[in-house]
C-alpha cells in the first residue's frame, strides 16, 4: 500500500513578484517549462497543473502590503 506522501494531493504554490510585465512573462514561461518540459506531448501532463497570474493592482491594499513585505523579507535574507 502506498503511503500518503506518494498519493497526489492538491497544492497551492504562491510566488509574488515585483517585476516588469516582460520579466513576469519570462518567469511564467520558465515555470511552465519546468512543469511541462514537452508542450507537444500526447495526453495530459504527468503533473496536472494550472497557472494563474494576477496583476497586483487588482489586489486589496492589505494583500499588496503583505506580499510586498514577504518580498522584502526574502530580499533581506
Protein backbone atom coordinates (compact mmCIF):
# COMPACT_ATOMS: atom_id res chain seq x y z
CA UNK A 1 0.00 0.00 0.00
CA UNK A 2 1.33 3.47 -0.93
CA UNK A 3 1.99 5.97 1.83
CA UNK A 4 0.15 9.28 1.97
CA UNK A 5 3.28 11.07 0.69
CA UNK A 6 3.11 9.02 -2.54
CA UNK A 7 -0.51 9.93 -3.28
CA UNK A 8 -1.06 13.06 -5.40
CA UNK A 9 -2.63 15.92 -3.44
CA UNK A 10 -3.71 19.40 -4.38
CA UNK A 11 -1.12 22.08 -3.58
CA UNK A 12 -1.13 25.83 -3.97
CA UNK A 13 2.29 27.36 -4.63
CA UNK A 14 2.41 31.17 -4.48
CA UNK A 15 5.19 33.28 -5.97
CA UNK A 16 4.93 37.04 -5.52
CA UNK A 17 7.00 39.13 -7.93
CA UNK A 18 7.95 42.75 -8.26
CA UNK A 19 8.88 42.82 -11.94
CA UNK A 20 8.19 44.41 -15.29
CA UNK A 21 5.49 42.77 -17.39
CA UNK A 22 8.17 41.40 -19.72
CA UNK A 23 10.14 39.85 -16.85
CA UNK A 24 6.93 38.43 -15.35
CA UNK A 25 6.17 36.77 -18.70
CA UNK A 26 9.71 35.34 -18.89
CA UNK A 27 9.41 33.91 -15.38
CA UNK A 28 5.97 32.43 -16.10
CA UNK A 29 7.34 30.81 -19.26
CA UNK A 30 10.14 29.23 -17.22
CA UNK A 31 7.64 27.92 -14.67
CA UNK A 32 5.57 26.37 -17.48
CA UNK A 33 8.72 24.80 -18.96
CA UNK A 34 9.68 23.42 -15.56
CA UNK A 35 6.30 21.76 -15.02
CA UNK A 36 5.71 20.65 -18.62
CA UNK A 37 9.04 20.32 -20.43
CA UNK A 38 7.42 18.97 -23.61
CA UNK A 39 4.36 21.05 -24.54
CA UNK A 40 3.74 18.78 -27.54
CA UNK A 41 3.42 15.54 -25.56
CA UNK A 42 0.41 13.31 -26.11
CA UNK A 43 -2.22 13.13 -23.43
CA UNK A 44 -2.33 15.07 -20.18
CA UNK A 45 0.76 16.28 -18.30
CA UNK A 46 2.32 13.92 -15.78
CA UNK A 47 1.67 16.58 -13.15
CA UNK A 48 -1.75 18.23 -13.52
CA UNK A 49 -1.35 21.97 -13.08
CA UNK A 50 -2.74 25.44 -13.68
CA UNK A 51 -1.02 28.82 -13.66
CA UNK A 52 -2.85 31.96 -12.56
CA UNK A 53 -1.31 35.41 -12.88
CA UNK A 54 -2.94 38.33 -11.08
CA UNK A 55 -1.94 41.98 -11.52
CA UNK A 56 -1.08 43.39 -8.10
CA UNK A 57 -3.18 46.48 -8.83
CA UNK A 58 -6.28 44.28 -8.64
CA UNK A 59 -5.44 43.14 -5.09
CA UNK A 60 -6.64 44.82 -1.96
CA UNK A 61 -4.29 47.20 -0.17
CA UNK A 62 -3.74 44.76 2.70
CA UNK A 63 -2.81 41.87 0.44
CA UNK A 64 -0.46 44.07 -1.61
CA UNK A 65 1.26 45.18 1.62
CA UNK A 66 1.55 41.60 2.88
CA UNK A 67 3.02 40.32 -0.39
CA UNK A 68 5.47 43.24 -0.60
CA UNK A 69 6.53 42.57 3.00
CA UNK A 70 7.17 38.91 2.09
CA UNK A 71 9.27 40.01 -0.90
CA UNK A 72 11.17 42.47 1.32
CA UNK A 73 11.83 39.72 3.91
CA UNK A 74 13.08 37.36 1.20
CA UNK A 75 15.38 40.01 -0.28
CA UNK A 76 16.79 40.93 3.16
CA UNK A 77 17.92 37.34 3.79
